[in-house]
């Protein structure tokens, strides 16, 4: 693993060597503003990182798996010059990331049911923490409360919306449903809980479609509707996951 602070113009041969030796390259500290195909391209300065999976010498491009303009994890071709510019911008602003070589193995990873159960319990009973910059950190079910505060800020015009928060909410709910389905299959349970959780996924998708960063004005009535949806999602998810935990413990 290498800190991008010390790379500068040396990054291209380092990435090349990593790829030639069969590694993928995980990176951060590269500004999305300069990366064609990223959601924030030419819009805002973000550092969301990605995974370099290949390189095209003829077209002078890296093949990168990352969050794209369509808000999906996909592979895009990024010119090496654009990648270099994005890296240098961050370094100039004293914002550094890492470059890490990763190689896959044939090892099979099994679900750790006790660990998953603990994570579900923590999710349902979140504890507020304070970050190093003295900001309140929301986790678990409290994220719904944070999003309701975000809507208040959007209505008041004190913040903008690039759609990331609501896209992350939707992606998280999809992952939760898949995890529940996997547990049901391992424990030979019916799929009642994971199917019921589908309504949470649907509501999250609705919010993402409505507030994906393309809407420039926010009205009181639509904001109130969205906050009600969030409140109902929180209540529904709490009940479904609590019931699901009871099932897994009695199996």
C-alpha atoms as a PDB file:
ATOM      1  CA  UNK A   1       0.000   0.000   0.000  1.00  0.00           C
ATOM      2  CA  UNK A   2       1.326   3.432  -0.960  1.00  0.00           C
ATOM      3  CA  UNK A   3       0.265   6.921   0.110  1.00  0.00           C
ATOM      4  CA  UNK A   4      -0.593   9.007  -2.982  1.00  0.00           C
ATOM      5  CA  UNK A   5       1.269  11.937  -1.450  1.00  0.00           C
ATOM      6  CA  UNK A   6       4.533  10.369  -2.635  1.00  0.00           C
ATOM      7  CA  UNK A   7       3.462   9.273  -6.128  1.00  0.00           C
ATOM      8  CA  UNK A   8       2.977  12.329  -8.326  1.00  0.00           C
ATOM      9  CA  UNK A   9       4.222  11.602 -11.864  1.00  0.00           C
ATOM     10  CA  UNK A  10       5.444   8.145 -10.810  1.00  0.00           C
ATOM     11  CA  UNK A  11       1.973   6.641 -10.568  1.00  0.00           C
ATOM     12  CA  UNK A  12       1.675   5.316 -14.155  1.00  0.00           C
ATOM     13  CA  UNK A  13       4.650   2.888 -14.052  1.00  0.00           C
ATOM     14  CA  UNK A  14       3.647   1.734 -10.552  1.00  0.00           C
ATOM     15  CA  UNK A  15       0.107   0.902 -11.694  1.00  0.00           C
ATOM     16  CA  UNK A  16       1.482  -0.781 -14.813  1.00  0.00           C
ATOM     17  CA  UNK A  17       3.759  -3.054 -12.757  1.00  0.00           C
ATOM     18  CA  UNK A  18       0.938  -3.960 -10.377  1.00  0.00           C
ATOM     19  CA  UNK A  19      -1.340  -4.925 -13.271  1.00  0.00           C
ATOM     20  CA  UNK A  20       1.385  -6.849 -15.128  1.00  0.00           C
ATOM     21  CA  UNK A  21       1.988  -8.957 -12.012  1.00  0.00           C
ATOM     22  CA  UNK A  22      -1.676  -9.947 -11.854  1.00  0.00           C
ATOM     23  CA  UNK A  23      -2.888  -7.487  -9.246  1.00  0.00           C
ATOM     24  CA  UNK A  24      -5.915  -5.229  -9.218  1.00  0.00           C
ATOM     25  CA  UNK A  25      -5.260  -1.681  -8.008  1.00  0.00           C
ATOM     26  CA  UNK A  26      -7.498  -0.177  -5.346  1.00  0.00           C
ATOM     27  CA  UNK A  27      -7.164   3.599  -5.190  1.00  0.00           C
ATOM     28  CA  UNK A  28      -8.421   6.683  -3.382  1.00  0.00           C
ATOM     29  CA  UNK A  29      -7.298  10.302  -3.348  1.00  0.00           C
ATOM     30  CA  UNK A  30      -8.319  10.895  -6.982  1.00  0.00           C
ATOM     31  CA  UNK A  31     -10.800  13.713  -7.667  1.00  0.00           C
ATOM     32  CA  UNK A  32     -13.980  12.596  -9.484  1.00  0.00           C
ATOM     33  CA  UNK A  33     -14.321  16.064 -11.036  1.00  0.00           C
ATOM     34  CA  UNK A  34     -11.695  15.144 -13.648  1.00  0.00           C
ATOM     35  CA  UNK A  35     -12.783  11.536 -14.295  1.00  0.00           C
ATOM     36  CA  UNK A  36     -15.067  11.089 -17.368  1.00  0.00           C
ATOM     37  CA  UNK A  37     -17.887   8.688 -16.600  1.00  0.00           C
ATOM     38  CA  UNK A  38     -18.080   9.460 -12.880  1.00  0.00           C
ATOM     39  CA  UNK A  39     -21.279  10.992 -11.489  1.00  0.00           C
ATOM     40  CA  UNK A  40     -19.440  14.099 -10.267  1.00  0.00           C
ATOM     41  CA  UNK A  41     -17.488  14.672 -13.518  1.00  0.00           C
ATOM     42  CA  UNK A  42     -17.230  18.427 -14.163  1.00  0.00           C
ATOM     43  CA  UNK A  43     -19.808  18.976 -11.376  1.00  0.00           C
ATOM     44  CA  UNK A  44     -18.244  18.657  -7.947  1.00  0.00           C
ATOM     45  CA  UNK A  45     -15.011  17.652  -6.236  1.00  0.00           C
ATOM     46  CA  UNK A  46     -15.425  14.209  -4.663  1.00  0.00           C
ATOM     47  CA  UNK A  47     -13.089  11.373  -3.749  1.00  0.00           C
ATOM     48  CA  UNK A  48     -15.020   8.110  -4.124  1.00  0.00           C
ATOM     49  CA  UNK A  49     -12.131   5.939  -5.325  1.00  0.00           C
ATOM     50  CA  UNK A  50     -12.351   2.779  -7.403  1.00  0.00           C
ATOM     51  CA  UNK A  51     -10.586  -0.370  -8.596  1.00  0.00           C
ATOM     52  CA  UNK A  52      -8.281  -0.441 -11.639  1.00  0.00           C
ATOM     53  CA  UNK A  53      -8.797  -3.815 -13.330  1.00  0.00           C
ATOM     54  CA  UNK A  54      -6.842  -3.302 -16.545  1.00  0.00           C
ATOM     55  CA  UNK A  55      -5.025  -0.917 -18.850  1.00  0.00           C
ATOM     56  CA  UNK A  56      -5.226  -0.123 -22.557  1.00  0.00           C
ATOM     57  CA  UNK A  57      -1.868   1.119 -23.810  1.00  0.00           C
ATOM     58  CA  UNK A  58      -3.182   1.900 -27.303  1.00  0.00           C
ATOM     59  CA  UNK A  59      -5.927   4.184 -26.030  1.00  0.00           C
ATOM     60  CA  UNK A  60      -3.841   5.375 -23.092  1.00  0.00           C
ATOM     61  CA  UNK A  61      -6.594   4.471 -20.626  1.00  0.00           C
ATOM     62  CA  UNK A  62      -7.197   2.608 -17.378  1.00  0.00           C
ATOM     63  CA  UNK A  63     -10.160   0.260 -17.031  1.00  0.00           C
ATOM     64  CA  UNK A  64     -11.771   1.145 -13.714  1.00  0.00           C
ATOM     65  CA  UNK A  65     -14.620  -0.387 -11.709  1.00  0.00           C
ATOM     66  CA  UNK A  66     -16.328   2.491  -9.953  1.00  0.00           C
ATOM     67  CA  UNK A  67     -19.556   4.347  -9.209  1.00  0.00           C
ATOM     68  CA  UNK A  68     -20.550   5.778 -12.595  1.00  0.00           C
ATOM     69  CA  UNK A  69     -22.746   8.587 -13.892  1.00  0.00           C
ATOM     70  CA  UNK A  70     -25.656   6.114 -13.819  1.00  0.00           C
ATOM     71  CA  UNK A  71     -25.077   5.574 -10.083  1.00  0.00           C
ATOM     72  CA  UNK A  72     -24.073   1.967 -10.721  1.00  0.00           C
ATOM     73  CA  UNK A  73     -20.885   0.040 -10.151  1.00  0.00           C
ATOM     74  CA  UNK A  74     -19.558  -0.431 -13.673  1.00  0.00           C
ATOM     75  CA  UNK A  75     -16.354  -0.593 -15.695  1.00  0.00           C
ATOM     76  CA  UNK A  76     -15.316   2.576 -17.521  1.00  0.00           C
ATOM     77  CA  UNK A  77     -12.278   3.578 -19.579  1.00  0.00           C
ATOM     78  CA  UNK A  78     -10.498   6.556 -18.029  1.00  0.00           C
ATOM     79  CA  UNK A  79      -7.723   8.374 -19.935  1.00  0.00           C
ATOM     80  CA  UNK A  80      -4.433   8.185 -18.070  1.00  0.00           C
ATOM     81  CA  UNK A  81      -4.036  11.939 -18.469  1.00  0.00           C
ATOM     82  CA  UNK A  82      -7.388  12.565 -16.758  1.00  0.00           C
ATOM     83  CA  UNK A  83      -6.486  10.186 -13.930  1.00  0.00           C
ATOM     84  CA  UNK A  84      -3.156  11.980 -13.467  1.00  0.00           C
ATOM     85  CA  UNK A  85      -4.874  15.378 -13.399  1.00  0.00           C
ATOM     86  CA  UNK A  86      -7.371  14.117 -10.814  1.00  0.00           C
ATOM     87  CA  UNK A  87      -4.543  12.819  -8.625  1.00  0.00           C
ATOM     88  CA  UNK A  88      -2.471  16.001  -8.884  1.00  0.00           C
ATOM     89  CA  UNK A  89      -5.454  18.180  -7.930  1.00  0.00           C
ATOM     90  CA  UNK A  90      -5.864  16.279  -4.676  1.00  0.00           C
ATOM     91  CA  UNK A  91      -2.139  16.384  -3.905  1.00  0.00           C
ATOM     92  CA  UNK A  92      -2.028  20.139  -4.538  1.00  0.00           C
ATOM     93  CA  UNK A  93      -4.856  20.543  -2.025  1.00  0.00           C
ATOM     94  CA  UNK A  94      -3.031  18.311   0.475  1.00  0.00           C
ATOM     95  CA  UNK A  95      -5.694  15.624   0.280  1.00  0.00           C
ATOM     96  CA  UNK A  96      -4.085  12.218   0.008  1.00  0.00           C
ATOM     97  CA  UNK A  97      -5.328   8.707  -0.583  1.00  0.00           C
ATOM     98  CA  UNK A  98      -3.791   5.294  -1.096  1.00  0.00           C
ATOM     99  CA  UNK A  99      -2.790   2.919  -3.866  1.00  0.00           C
ATOM    100  CA  UNK A 100      -3.119  -0.741  -2.927  1.00  0.00           C
ATOM    101  CA  UNK A 101      -2.347  -3.898  -4.948  1.00  0.00           C
ATOM    102  CA  UNK A 102      -4.923  -6.674  -4.499  1.00  0.00           C
ATOM    103  CA  UNK A 103      -4.929 -10.233  -5.805  1.00  0.00           C
ATOM    104  CA  UNK A 104      -7.842 -12.665  -5.699  1.00  0.00           C
ATOM    105  CA  UNK A 105      -7.525 -16.167  -4.281  1.00  0.00           C
ATOM    106  CA  UNK A 106      -9.505 -19.378  -4.592  1.00  0.00           C
ATOM    107  CA  UNK A 107     -10.479 -19.194  -0.924  1.00  0.00           C
ATOM    108  CA  UNK A 108     -14.219 -19.453  -0.328  1.00  0.00           C
ATOM    109  CA  UNK A 109     -15.710 -17.053   2.194  1.00  0.00           C
ATOM    110  CA  UNK A 110     -18.583 -18.404   4.293  1.00  0.00           C
ATOM    111  CA  UNK A 111     -21.176 -16.268   6.024  1.00  0.00           C
ATOM    112  CA  UNK A 112     -20.360 -15.772   9.692  1.00  0.00           C
ATOM    113  CA  UNK A 113     -23.829 -16.033  11.226  1.00  0.00           C
ATOM    114  CA  UNK A 114     -22.869 -14.936  14.784  1.00  0.00           C
ATOM    115  CA  UNK A 115     -21.100 -11.880  13.377  1.00  0.00           C
ATOM    116  CA  UNK A 116     -24.050 -11.034  11.123  1.00  0.00           C
ATOM    117  CA  UNK A 117     -26.446 -11.384  14.047  1.00  0.00           C
ATOM    118  CA  UNK A 118     -24.289  -9.005  16.103  1.00  0.00           C
ATOM    119  CA  UNK A 119     -24.272  -6.501  13.228  1.00  0.00           C
ATOM    120  CA  UNK A 120     -28.066  -6.661  12.985  1.00  0.00           C
ATOM    121  CA  UNK A 121     -28.361  -6.000  16.724  1.00  0.00           C
ATOM    122  CA  UNK A 122     -25.967  -3.042  16.458  1.00  0.00           C
ATOM    123  CA  UNK A 123     -27.947  -1.752  13.482  1.00  0.00           C
ATOM    124  CA  UNK A 124     -31.202  -1.844  15.446  1.00  0.00           C
ATOM    125  CA  UNK A 125     -29.587  -0.288  18.540  1.00  0.00           C
ATOM    126  CA  UNK A 126     -27.168   2.341  17.198  1.00  0.00           C
ATOM    127  CA  UNK A 127     -24.888   4.364  19.456  1.00  0.00           C
ATOM    128  CA  UNK A 128     -24.121   7.930  18.407  1.00  0.00           C
ATOM    129  CA  UNK A 129     -20.459   8.810  18.030  1.00  0.00           C
ATOM    130  CA  UNK A 130     -18.467  11.966  17.349  1.00  0.00           C
ATOM    131  CA  UNK A 131     -15.973  12.133  14.473  1.00  0.00           C
ATOM    132  CA  UNK A 132     -12.480  13.630  14.724  1.00  0.00           C
ATOM    133  CA  UNK A 133     -13.807  16.904  13.295  1.00  0.00           C
ATOM    134  CA  UNK A 134     -16.493  16.970  16.022  1.00  0.00           C
ATOM    135  CA  UNK A 135     -19.388  16.005  13.778  1.00  0.00           C
ATOM    136  CA  UNK A 136     -22.200  13.739  14.913  1.00  0.00           C
ATOM    137  CA  UNK A 137     -21.976  10.348  13.193  1.00  0.00           C
ATOM    138  CA  UNK A 138     -25.248   8.560  12.454  1.00  0.00           C
ATOM    139  CA  UNK A 139     -25.408   4.789  12.090  1.00  0.00           C
ATOM    140  CA  UNK A 140     -27.993   2.021  11.866  1.00  0.00           C
ATOM    141  CA  UNK A 141     -31.621   3.079  12.107  1.00  0.00           C
ATOM    142  CA  UNK A 142     -30.537   6.616  13.035  1.00  0.00           C
ATOM    143  CA  UNK A 143     -29.592   7.204   9.393  1.00  0.00           C
ATOM    144  CA  UNK A 144     -33.288   7.780   8.734  1.00  0.00           C
ATOM    145  CA  UNK A 145     -33.223  10.666  11.228  1.00  0.00           C
ATOM    146  CA  UNK A 146     -30.140  12.080   9.519  1.00  0.00           C
ATOM    147  CA  UNK A 147     -31.891  11.973   6.132  1.00  0.00           C
ATOM    148  CA  UNK A 148     -34.899  13.773   7.572  1.00  0.00           C
ATOM    149  CA  UNK A 149     -32.533  16.511   8.733  1.00  0.00           C
ATOM    150  CA  UNK A 150     -31.061  16.562   5.233  1.00  0.00           C
ATOM    151  CA  UNK A 151     -34.514  17.263   3.808  1.00  0.00           C
ATOM    152  CA  UNK A 152     -34.896  20.183   6.224  1.00  0.00           C
ATOM    153  CA  UNK A 153     -31.568  21.542   4.995  1.00  0.00           C
ATOM    154  CA  UNK A 154     -32.611  21.094   1.360  1.00  0.00           C
ATOM    155  CA  UNK A 155     -35.832  22.968   2.006  1.00  0.00           C
ATOM    156  CA  UNK A 156     -33.958  25.744   3.768  1.00  0.00           C
ATOM    157  CA  UNK A 157     -31.394  25.949   0.977  1.00  0.00           C
ATOM    158  CA  UNK A 158     -28.458  25.422   3.330  1.00  0.00           C
ATOM    159  CA  UNK A 159     -27.148  22.384   1.445  1.00  0.00           C
ATOM    160  CA  UNK A 160     -27.208  20.857  -2.012  1.00  0.00           C
ATOM    161  CA  UNK A 161     -28.146  17.386  -3.187  1.00  0.00           C
ATOM    162  CA  UNK A 162     -26.036  15.328  -5.587  1.00  0.00           C
ATOM    163  CA  UNK A 163     -28.145  12.212  -5.060  1.00  0.00           C
ATOM    164  CA  UNK A 164     -25.387  10.260  -3.280  1.00  0.00           C
ATOM    165  CA  UNK A 165     -27.226   9.931   0.038  1.00  0.00           C
ATOM    166  CA  UNK A 166     -30.377   8.484  -1.484  1.00  0.00           C
ATOM    167  CA  UNK A 167     -28.476   6.247  -3.865  1.00  0.00           C
ATOM    168  CA  UNK A 168     -26.489   4.867  -0.922  1.00  0.00           C
ATOM    169  CA  UNK A 169     -29.729   4.289   0.992  1.00  0.00           C
ATOM    170  CA  UNK A 170     -31.184   2.274  -1.883  1.00  0.00           C
ATOM    171  CA  UNK A 171     -28.003   0.237  -2.407  1.00  0.00           C
ATOM    172  CA  UNK A 172     -27.794  -0.521   1.306  1.00  0.00           C
ATOM    173  CA  UNK A 173     -31.362  -1.814   1.453  1.00  0.00           C
ATOM    174  CA  UNK A 174     -30.729  -4.078  -1.542  1.00  0.00           C
ATOM    175  CA  UNK A 175     -27.648  -5.499   0.186  1.00  0.00           C
ATOM    176  CA  UNK A 176     -29.593  -6.048   3.404  1.00  0.00           C
ATOM    177  CA  UNK A 177     -32.280  -7.983   1.543  1.00  0.00           C
ATOM    178  CA  UNK A 178     -29.706 -10.198  -0.184  1.00  0.00           C
ATOM    179  CA  UNK A 179     -28.010 -10.894   3.148  1.00  0.00           C
ATOM    180  CA  UNK A 180     -31.344 -11.883   4.687  1.00  0.00           C
ATOM    181  CA  UNK A 181     -32.071 -14.212   1.763  1.00  0.00           C
ATOM    182  CA  UNK A 182     -28.675 -15.886   2.154  1.00  0.00           C
ATOM    183  CA  UNK A 183     -29.267 -16.455   5.877  1.00  0.00           C
ATOM    184  CA  UNK A 184     -32.721 -17.892   5.199  1.00  0.00           C
ATOM    185  CA  UNK A 185     -31.216 -20.379   2.771  1.00  0.00           C
ATOM    186  CA  UNK A 186     -28.452 -21.440   5.174  1.00  0.00           C
ATOM    187  CA  UNK A 187     -30.925 -21.979   8.027  1.00  0.00           C
ATOM    188  CA  UNK A 188     -33.593 -23.525   5.776  1.00  0.00           C
ATOM    189  CA  UNK A 189     -36.072 -20.779   6.648  1.00  0.00           C
ATOM    190  CA  UNK A 190     -38.870 -19.606   4.393  1.00  0.00           C
ATOM    191  CA  UNK A 191     -38.367 -16.297   2.602  1.00  0.00           C
ATOM    192  CA  UNK A 192     -41.146 -14.459   4.416  1.00  0.00           C
ATOM    193  CA  UNK A 193     -38.816 -11.936   6.078  1.00  0.00           C
ATOM    194  CA  UNK A 194     -36.686 -11.125   3.020  1.00  0.00           C
ATOM    195  CA  UNK A 195     -39.803 -10.795   0.857  1.00  0.00           C
ATOM    196  CA  UNK A 196     -41.401  -8.458   3.401  1.00  0.00           C
ATOM    197  CA  UNK A 197     -38.186  -6.417   3.405  1.00  0.00           C
ATOM    198  CA  UNK A 198     -38.823  -5.771  -0.281  1.00  0.00           C
ATOM    199  CA  UNK A 199     -41.152  -2.914   0.662  1.00  0.00           C
ATOM    200  CA  UNK A 200     -38.214  -1.155   2.335  1.00  0.00           C
ATOM    201  CA  UNK A 201     -36.147  -1.591  -0.836  1.00  0.00           C
ATOM    202  CA  UNK A 202     -39.013  -0.255  -2.959  1.00  0.00           C
ATOM    203  CA  UNK A 203     -39.430   2.828  -0.768  1.00  0.00           C
ATOM    204  CA  UNK A 204     -35.687   3.519  -0.899  1.00  0.00           C
ATOM    205  CA  UNK A 205     -35.759   3.263  -4.686  1.00  0.00           C
ATOM    206  CA  UNK A 206     -38.699   5.674  -4.818  1.00  0.00           C
ATOM    207  CA  UNK A 207     -36.778   8.252  -2.781  1.00  0.00           C
ATOM    208  CA  UNK A 208     -33.722   7.829  -4.984  1.00  0.00           C
ATOM    209  CA  UNK A 209     -35.783   8.382  -8.137  1.00  0.00           C
ATOM    210  CA  UNK A 210     -37.387  11.497  -6.658  1.00  0.00           C
ATOM    211  CA  UNK A 211     -34.218  12.986  -5.179  1.00  0.00           C
ATOM    212  CA  UNK A 212     -31.360  11.786  -7.398  1.00  0.00           C
ATOM    213  CA  UNK A 213     -29.727  15.187  -7.717  1.00  0.00           C
ATOM    214  CA  UNK A 214     -31.586  16.378 -10.831  1.00  0.00           C
ATOM    215  CA  UNK A 215     -34.277  18.292  -8.948  1.00  0.00           C
ATOM    216  CA  UNK A 216     -33.349  21.903  -8.297  1.00  0.00           C
ATOM    217  CA  UNK A 217     -36.310  23.037  -6.175  1.00  0.00           C
ATOM    218  CA  UNK A 218     -37.866  21.477  -3.116  1.00  0.00           C
ATOM    219  CA  UNK A 219     -41.407  22.229  -2.005  1.00  0.00           C
ATOM    220  CA  UNK A 220     -42.777  21.906   1.526  1.00  0.00           C
ATOM    221  CA  UNK A 221     -45.407  19.335   0.526  1.00  0.00           C
ATOM    222  CA  UNK A 222     -42.960  17.027  -1.275  1.00  0.00           C
ATOM    223  CA  UNK A 223     -40.441  17.314   1.558  1.00  0.00           C
ATOM    224  CA  UNK A 224     -43.112  16.420   4.121  1.00  0.00           C
ATOM    225  CA  UNK A 225     -44.138  13.414   2.019  1.00  0.00           C
ATOM    226  CA  UNK A 226     -40.537  12.209   1.813  1.00  0.00           C
ATOM    227  CA  UNK A 227     -40.041  12.594   5.576  1.00  0.00           C
ATOM    228  CA  UNK A 228     -43.178  10.532   6.208  1.00  0.00           C
ATOM    229  CA  UNK A 229     -41.827   7.823   3.890  1.00  0.00           C
ATOM    230  CA  UNK A 230     -38.564   7.777   5.857  1.00  0.00           C
ATOM    231  CA  UNK A 231     -40.421   7.507   9.163  1.00  0.00           C
ATOM    232  CA  UNK A 232     -42.495   4.576   7.876  1.00  0.00           C
ATOM    233  CA  UNK A 233     -39.395   2.902   6.441  1.00  0.00           C
ATOM    234  CA  UNK A 234     -37.681   3.123   9.826  1.00  0.00           C
ATOM    235  CA  UNK A 235     -40.665   1.586  11.623  1.00  0.00           C
ATOM    236  CA  UNK A 236     -41.094  -1.145   9.009  1.00  0.00           C
ATOM    237  CA  UNK A 237     -37.421  -2.067   8.909  1.00  0.00           C
ATOM    238  CA  UNK A 238     -37.207  -2.151  12.695  1.00  0.00           C
ATOM    239  CA  UNK A 239     -40.121  -4.599  12.912  1.00  0.00           C
ATOM    240  CA  UNK A 240     -38.995  -6.846  10.053  1.00  0.00           C
ATOM    241  CA  UNK A 241     -35.394  -7.123  11.257  1.00  0.00           C
ATOM    242  CA  UNK A 242     -36.431  -7.647  14.889  1.00  0.00           C
ATOM    243  CA  UNK A 243     -38.763 -10.476  13.869  1.00  0.00           C
ATOM    244  CA  UNK A 244     -36.059 -11.882  11.603  1.00  0.00           C
ATOM    245  CA  UNK A 245     -33.576 -12.004  14.489  1.00  0.00           C
ATOM    246  CA  UNK A 246     -36.084 -13.947  16.591  1.00  0.00           C
ATOM    247  CA  UNK A 247     -36.374 -16.515  13.789  1.00  0.00           C
ATOM    248  CA  UNK A 248     -32.622 -16.975  13.447  1.00  0.00           C
ATOM    249  CA  UNK A 249     -32.169 -17.405  17.201  1.00  0.00           C
ATOM    250  CA  UNK A 250     -34.776 -20.147  17.459  1.00  0.00           C
ATOM    251  CA  UNK A 251     -33.388 -22.128  14.525  1.00  0.00           C
END
